[in-house]
Each structure stands twice: as C-alpha cells, then as structure tokens.
Protein backbone atom coordinates (compact mmCIF):
# COMPACT_ATOMS: atom_id res chain seq x y z
CA MET A 1 -21.79 8.74 -1.93
CA SER A 2 -20.39 6.28 -4.50
CA GLU A 3 -18.94 2.91 -3.84
CA SER A 4 -15.30 2.63 -2.81
CA LYS A 5 -12.96 0.66 -5.09
CA VAL A 6 -9.65 -0.97 -4.27
CA VAL A 7 -6.94 1.11 -5.99
CA HIS A 8 -3.83 -0.24 -4.28
CA PHE A 9 -3.09 -3.63 -2.76
CA ASN A 10 0.14 -4.79 -1.18
CA LEU A 11 0.65 -8.23 0.45
CA TYR A 12 3.88 -8.73 2.54
CA ARG A 13 4.84 -12.30 3.08
CA PRO A 14 7.86 -12.80 5.36
CA ASP A 15 8.81 -16.13 3.83
CA ARG A 16 9.23 -14.42 0.37
CA SER A 17 11.05 -11.39 1.74
CA VAL A 18 14.40 -10.33 0.23
CA PHE A 19 15.73 -9.60 3.63
CA LYS A 20 16.14 -12.19 6.42
CA SER A 21 13.04 -12.50 8.60
CA SER A 22 12.17 -14.36 11.71
CA LYS A 23 9.67 -17.19 11.80
CA ASN A 24 7.67 -15.02 14.22
CA ASP A 25 7.12 -12.19 11.70
CA ARG A 26 3.50 -11.73 10.65
CA SER A 27 2.16 -11.41 7.18
CA GLU A 28 0.59 -8.03 6.40
CA VAL A 29 -1.73 -6.55 3.87
CA GLN A 30 -2.23 -2.87 3.00
CA ILE A 31 -5.31 -1.89 1.06
CA ILE A 32 -6.20 1.63 -0.23
CA THR A 33 -9.73 2.26 -1.35
CA CYS A 34 -11.05 5.34 -3.09
CA THR A 35 -14.50 6.71 -3.88
CA ASN A 36 -13.38 9.38 -6.37
CA ASN A 37 -10.78 7.65 -8.51
CA ASP A 38 -12.61 8.59 -11.77
CA ASN A 39 -12.14 12.31 -11.15
CA CYS A 40 -8.82 12.38 -9.32
CA GLN A 41 -5.85 13.96 -11.12
CA LEU A 42 -3.31 12.16 -8.98
CA PHE A 43 -4.87 8.77 -9.76
CA GLN A 44 -4.70 9.47 -13.51
CA ARG A 45 -0.92 10.01 -13.15
CA GLY A 46 -0.53 6.76 -11.27
CA GLU A 47 -0.10 8.37 -7.88
CA CYS A 48 -2.13 8.45 -4.64
CA ALA A 49 -2.05 10.86 -1.65
CA CYS A 50 -3.00 7.99 0.67
CA ARG A 51 0.30 6.27 0.17
CA LYS A 52 2.30 6.64 3.36
CA GLY A 53 5.59 8.29 2.52
CA LEU A 54 7.88 10.94 3.85
CA PHE A 55 4.98 13.35 4.71
CA GLY A 56 2.37 10.73 5.52
CA GLY A 57 -0.77 10.81 3.48
CA SER A 58 -4.39 11.71 3.70
CA CYS A 59 -7.25 12.27 1.26
CA GLN A 60 -10.91 12.94 1.93
CA TYR A 61 -11.93 10.38 -0.66
CA GLY A 62 -9.38 7.60 0.05
CA ARG A 63 -8.94 5.25 3.03
CA SER A 64 -5.90 3.22 3.91
CA SER A 65 -6.15 0.11 6.03
CA LYS A 66 -3.51 -2.36 7.23
CA GLN A 67 -4.23 -5.80 8.56
CA GLN A 68 -1.85 -8.28 10.19
CA GLY A 69 -2.20 -11.96 9.47
CA PHE A 70 -0.59 -15.09 10.84
CA THR A 71 3.05 -16.07 11.22
CA ARG A 72 4.49 -18.58 8.79
CA ARG A 73 4.43 -21.14 11.57
CA ALA A 74 0.65 -21.09 11.74
CA ARG A 75 -1.57 -23.54 9.83
CA LYS A 76 -3.75 -20.80 8.43
CA TYR A 77 -0.87 -18.77 7.06
CA ASN A 78 -1.09 -19.92 3.41
CA ALA A 79 -4.95 -19.88 3.49
CA TRP A 80 -4.95 -16.31 4.86
CA CYS A 81 -2.47 -15.09 2.21
CA SER A 82 -4.38 -16.66 -0.66
CA GLU A 83 -7.64 -15.30 0.62
CA LYS A 84 -6.27 -11.73 0.77
CA LYS A 85 -4.72 -12.11 -2.72
CA LYS A 86 -8.21 -12.57 -4.16
CA ILE A 87 -9.08 -8.97 -3.06
CA GLY A 88 -6.83 -7.50 -5.67
CA SER A 89 -3.43 -7.39 -7.27
CA LYS A 90 -3.02 -3.71 -7.87
CA SER A 91 0.23 -2.29 -6.52
CA ASN A 92 1.34 0.19 -9.11
CA LEU A 93 0.48 3.52 -7.38
CA ARG A 94 3.36 5.79 -6.52
CA ASN A 95 3.70 8.27 -3.64
CA PRO A 96 3.20 11.83 -5.05
CA PHE A 97 5.70 13.27 -2.54
CA GLN A 98 8.45 10.85 -3.38
CA ASN A 99 10.07 13.22 -5.96
CA LEU A 100 10.38 15.97 -3.35
CA SER A 101 12.49 13.75 -1.10
CA GLN A 102 14.84 12.45 -3.81
CA LYS A 103 15.84 15.64 -5.62
CA PRO A 104 18.70 17.63 -4.08
CA VAL A 105 18.03 21.32 -3.48
CA TYR A 106 20.79 23.78 -4.33
CA TRP A 107 20.52 27.21 -2.74
CA PRO A 108 22.08 30.18 -4.56
CA VAL A 109 25.18 31.58 -2.82
C-alpha cells in the first residue's frame, strides 16, 4: 500500500469568519488524505468523492478526518492554528455531486 498524501486541507478560524461567531466557538480543521491520487479520474478533474456534500462521501482510497481545536479565548489558539497550517494549504477540491444538486430538473409533460 502506498503512502497517503494530503489532497485537501481546510482550517476554520472563528475569529476570521464572515458570519458572527461566539467567543466559545472552536477552531476546526478538515484533512482529506488519499493513497491513489495519481490514478484517480476525479482528482485529475479537481474533485474528490470524500468531500462531504449533499450525498455524503466515501472512497476506498481516501480518508477524511476532522479535528477540533481551542476556542479563541485560549492561550494555545494561535499556536494550534499555525501548527495545523503547516500541514498543508490545499483547499481547491470540489464536491463531485455538487452539480447534481444545483441544476434544475425539468420533466416532460
């Protein structure tokens, strides 16, 4: 089995959120790793089946993990966020099922 590589990384920081957030909201990181990204047709199109979307997501080669960090009141908040940022900065993968949920379906009458 080959080594898994980070293909998607998303860091949520409540202090930089567009929407109003509480001081008790925790930071969160989502990491998707894949062992078959060289041969995957979805990955070549910039998509990944492990992205959680309308239908959920699963792939036998990919693994999605989510970790919660500290609140912005904690001393270790900035240190935790900068430590997780070193893992990767890739957040350009799209959900492959996203197009199915956005296009209207017209049935013949």
